[in-house]
C-alpha cells in the first residue's frame, strides 16, 4: 500500500514536491546532454530517440544518488535500491525512448516539447514506482539529518 496511517497523503505529497524539486536538477542535466547529442544526430533518422536514450542512461545514476539522499526517507540499502531503480528505469527507458522516437522522429513533433512531455509523464511514473519498489515503506524511515549523521559516523570509523 502506498498510503497508510503511518504514511498519509500529506507526507506523500510533500515527498512528491521534494521529488519534483530534486528532479529539476536531474532534468536540467539530462536536457543539456540531450540537446547537445540531438544536434549531433547520432543515429540517422532517430536523432531525438538516440539522444534521449543516452541522456536518460547518464542521468539515471545522478537521479538515484540525489533521490536516495534528498527525496525518499527510506533506509533501504544503497545497492538494493540501486538495483531496483535500474530495473524500473530500464523499463521506463525502453518505453520512453520508443515514445520520443515515435512522436519526434517519426511524426515530426518538436523534439524539445516531446522531451518535456516525456519527462512529465515518465517522471511521475518513476516517482510512484521508486516509492513503492525501490524505497518501500516496509523498510522503515530515516530522516535526512539521520542519514547525514549516519554517513558522518561511517566516515569517522
Protein backbone atom coordinates (compact mmCIF):
# COMPACT_ATOMS: atom_id res chain seq x y z
CA UNK A 1 0.00 0.00 0.00
CA UNK A 2 1.36 3.39 -0.97
CA UNK A 3 -0.57 5.39 1.64
CA UNK A 4 -1.49 4.31 5.19
CA UNK A 5 -1.92 5.85 8.64
CA UNK A 6 1.87 5.95 9.19
CA UNK A 7 2.41 7.49 5.76
CA UNK A 8 -0.56 9.77 4.99
CA UNK A 9 -1.41 11.60 1.78
CA UNK A 10 0.15 14.80 3.18
CA UNK A 11 3.52 13.04 3.55
CA UNK A 12 3.24 11.53 0.05
CA UNK A 13 2.51 14.95 -1.42
CA UNK A 14 5.44 16.57 0.45
CA UNK A 15 7.70 13.80 -0.78
CA UNK A 16 6.45 14.26 -4.35
CA UNK A 17 7.14 18.01 -4.14
CA UNK A 18 10.70 17.22 -2.98
CA UNK A 19 10.99 14.65 -5.79
CA UNK A 20 9.99 17.34 -8.30
CA UNK A 21 12.42 19.88 -6.83
CA UNK A 22 15.30 17.41 -6.95
CA UNK A 23 14.05 16.23 -10.34
CA UNK A 24 14.56 19.75 -11.72
CA UNK A 25 18.30 19.25 -11.24
CA UNK A 26 18.14 15.88 -12.98
CA UNK A 27 16.02 17.23 -15.84
CA UNK A 28 18.35 20.21 -16.36
CA UNK A 29 21.40 17.94 -16.62
CA UNK A 30 19.55 15.48 -18.82
CA UNK A 31 18.25 18.24 -21.09
CA UNK A 32 21.72 19.71 -21.60
CA UNK A 33 23.09 16.28 -22.57
CA UNK A 34 20.03 15.57 -24.73
CA UNK A 35 20.16 18.91 -26.54
CA UNK A 36 23.86 18.56 -27.27
CA UNK A 37 23.52 14.97 -28.51
CA UNK A 38 20.35 15.63 -30.51
CA UNK A 39 22.22 18.24 -32.54
CA UNK A 40 24.85 15.63 -33.36
CA UNK A 41 22.23 13.29 -34.90
CA UNK A 42 23.90 10.15 -33.54
CA UNK A 43 21.54 7.78 -35.36
CA UNK A 44 20.33 8.90 -38.76
CA UNK A 45 16.56 9.03 -38.80
CA UNK A 46 16.32 8.91 -35.00
CA UNK A 47 18.31 11.86 -33.65
CA UNK A 48 15.89 12.61 -30.78
CA UNK A 49 15.49 8.99 -29.69
CA UNK A 50 19.22 8.27 -29.71
CA UNK A 51 19.95 11.47 -27.78
CA UNK A 52 17.16 10.70 -25.29
CA UNK A 53 18.39 7.13 -24.75
CA UNK A 54 21.95 8.20 -23.92
CA UNK A 55 20.96 11.24 -21.83
CA UNK A 56 18.48 9.10 -19.85
CA UNK A 57 21.14 6.49 -19.08
CA UNK A 58 23.70 9.07 -17.98
CA UNK A 59 21.27 10.96 -15.76
CA UNK A 60 19.96 7.76 -14.11
CA UNK A 61 22.97 7.48 -11.81
CA UNK A 62 22.69 11.08 -10.73
CA UNK A 63 18.94 10.68 -10.16
CA UNK A 64 19.41 7.68 -7.89
CA UNK A 65 22.03 9.41 -5.77
CA UNK A 66 20.01 12.60 -5.34
CA UNK A 67 16.68 10.89 -4.72
CA UNK A 68 18.19 8.48 -2.22
CA UNK A 69 19.76 11.31 -0.22
CA UNK A 70 17.21 14.07 -0.62
CA UNK A 71 13.81 12.70 -1.60
CA UNK A 72 12.98 9.38 -0.02
CA UNK A 73 13.24 8.87 3.73
CA UNK A 74 13.94 5.19 3.34
CA UNK A 75 16.75 3.22 5.00
CA UNK A 76 16.83 0.77 2.08
CA UNK A 77 20.45 -0.14 1.34
CA UNK A 78 22.26 1.66 -1.47
CA UNK A 79 22.91 -1.44 -3.57
CA UNK A 80 19.42 -2.85 -3.17
CA UNK A 81 17.73 0.46 -4.06
CA UNK A 82 20.13 0.96 -6.99
CA UNK A 83 19.37 -2.46 -8.48
CA UNK A 84 15.61 -2.00 -8.16
CA UNK A 85 15.88 1.54 -9.53
CA UNK A 86 17.90 0.31 -12.51
CA UNK A 87 15.20 -2.24 -13.33
CA UNK A 88 12.48 0.41 -13.02
CA UNK A 89 14.42 2.98 -15.04
CA UNK A 90 15.37 0.32 -17.59
CA UNK A 91 11.74 -0.47 -18.31
CA UNK A 92 10.77 3.20 -18.40
CA UNK A 93 13.85 3.92 -20.55
CA UNK A 94 12.66 1.48 -23.22
CA UNK A 95 9.10 2.82 -23.24
CA UNK A 96 10.08 6.50 -23.13
CA UNK A 97 12.71 6.07 -25.88
CA UNK A 98 10.08 4.42 -28.08
CA UNK A 99 7.72 7.29 -27.26
CA UNK A 100 10.17 10.01 -28.23
CA UNK A 101 11.18 8.09 -31.36
CA UNK A 102 7.55 7.83 -32.45
CA UNK A 103 6.40 11.35 -31.66
CA UNK A 104 9.54 13.28 -32.52
CA UNK A 105 11.45 11.26 -35.08
CA UNK A 106 8.57 9.57 -36.93
CA UNK A 107 5.65 12.01 -36.60
CA UNK A 108 7.93 15.06 -36.59
CA UNK A 109 6.69 16.88 -33.49
CA UNK A 110 9.11 19.34 -31.92
CA UNK A 111 11.74 17.32 -30.07
CA UNK A 112 12.03 19.80 -27.19
CA UNK A 113 8.28 19.77 -26.49
CA UNK A 114 8.25 15.96 -26.65
CA UNK A 115 11.26 15.87 -24.31
CA UNK A 116 9.39 17.79 -21.62
CA UNK A 117 6.13 15.88 -22.12
CA UNK A 118 8.08 12.63 -21.74
CA UNK A 119 9.78 13.98 -18.61
CA UNK A 120 6.43 14.88 -17.03
CA UNK A 121 4.76 11.55 -17.77
CA UNK A 122 7.67 9.25 -17.04
CA UNK A 123 8.86 11.34 -14.09
CA UNK A 124 5.53 10.80 -12.35
CA UNK A 125 5.63 7.06 -13.10
CA UNK A 126 9.19 6.96 -11.80
CA UNK A 127 8.15 8.56 -8.51
CA UNK A 128 5.36 6.06 -7.92
CA UNK A 129 7.46 3.01 -8.75
CA UNK A 130 10.51 4.24 -6.83
CA UNK A 131 8.43 4.94 -3.71
CA UNK A 132 6.64 1.60 -3.98
CA UNK A 133 9.53 -0.69 -5.02
CA UNK A 134 13.00 0.87 -4.66
CA UNK A 135 12.38 2.78 -1.43
CA UNK A 136 9.46 0.87 0.14
CA UNK A 137 7.76 1.99 3.31
CA UNK A 138 8.13 -1.54 4.67
CA UNK A 139 11.86 -0.82 5.18
CA UNK A 140 11.04 1.94 7.67
CA UNK A 141 12.01 5.61 7.60
CA UNK A 142 15.14 7.63 8.12
CA UNK A 143 15.24 11.42 8.06
CA UNK A 144 17.75 13.36 6.01
CA UNK A 145 19.51 14.56 9.15
CA UNK A 146 19.72 10.98 10.49
CA UNK A 147 21.11 9.81 7.15
CA UNK A 148 23.73 12.57 7.23
CA UNK A 149 24.69 11.76 10.83
CA UNK A 150 24.98 8.06 9.89
CA UNK A 151 27.17 8.97 6.91
CA UNK A 152 29.46 11.15 9.07
CA UNK A 153 29.73 8.37 11.66
CA UNK A 154 30.77 5.84 8.99
CA UNK A 155 33.42 8.24 7.70
CA UNK A 156 34.92 8.61 11.20
CA UNK A 157 35.14 4.86 11.70
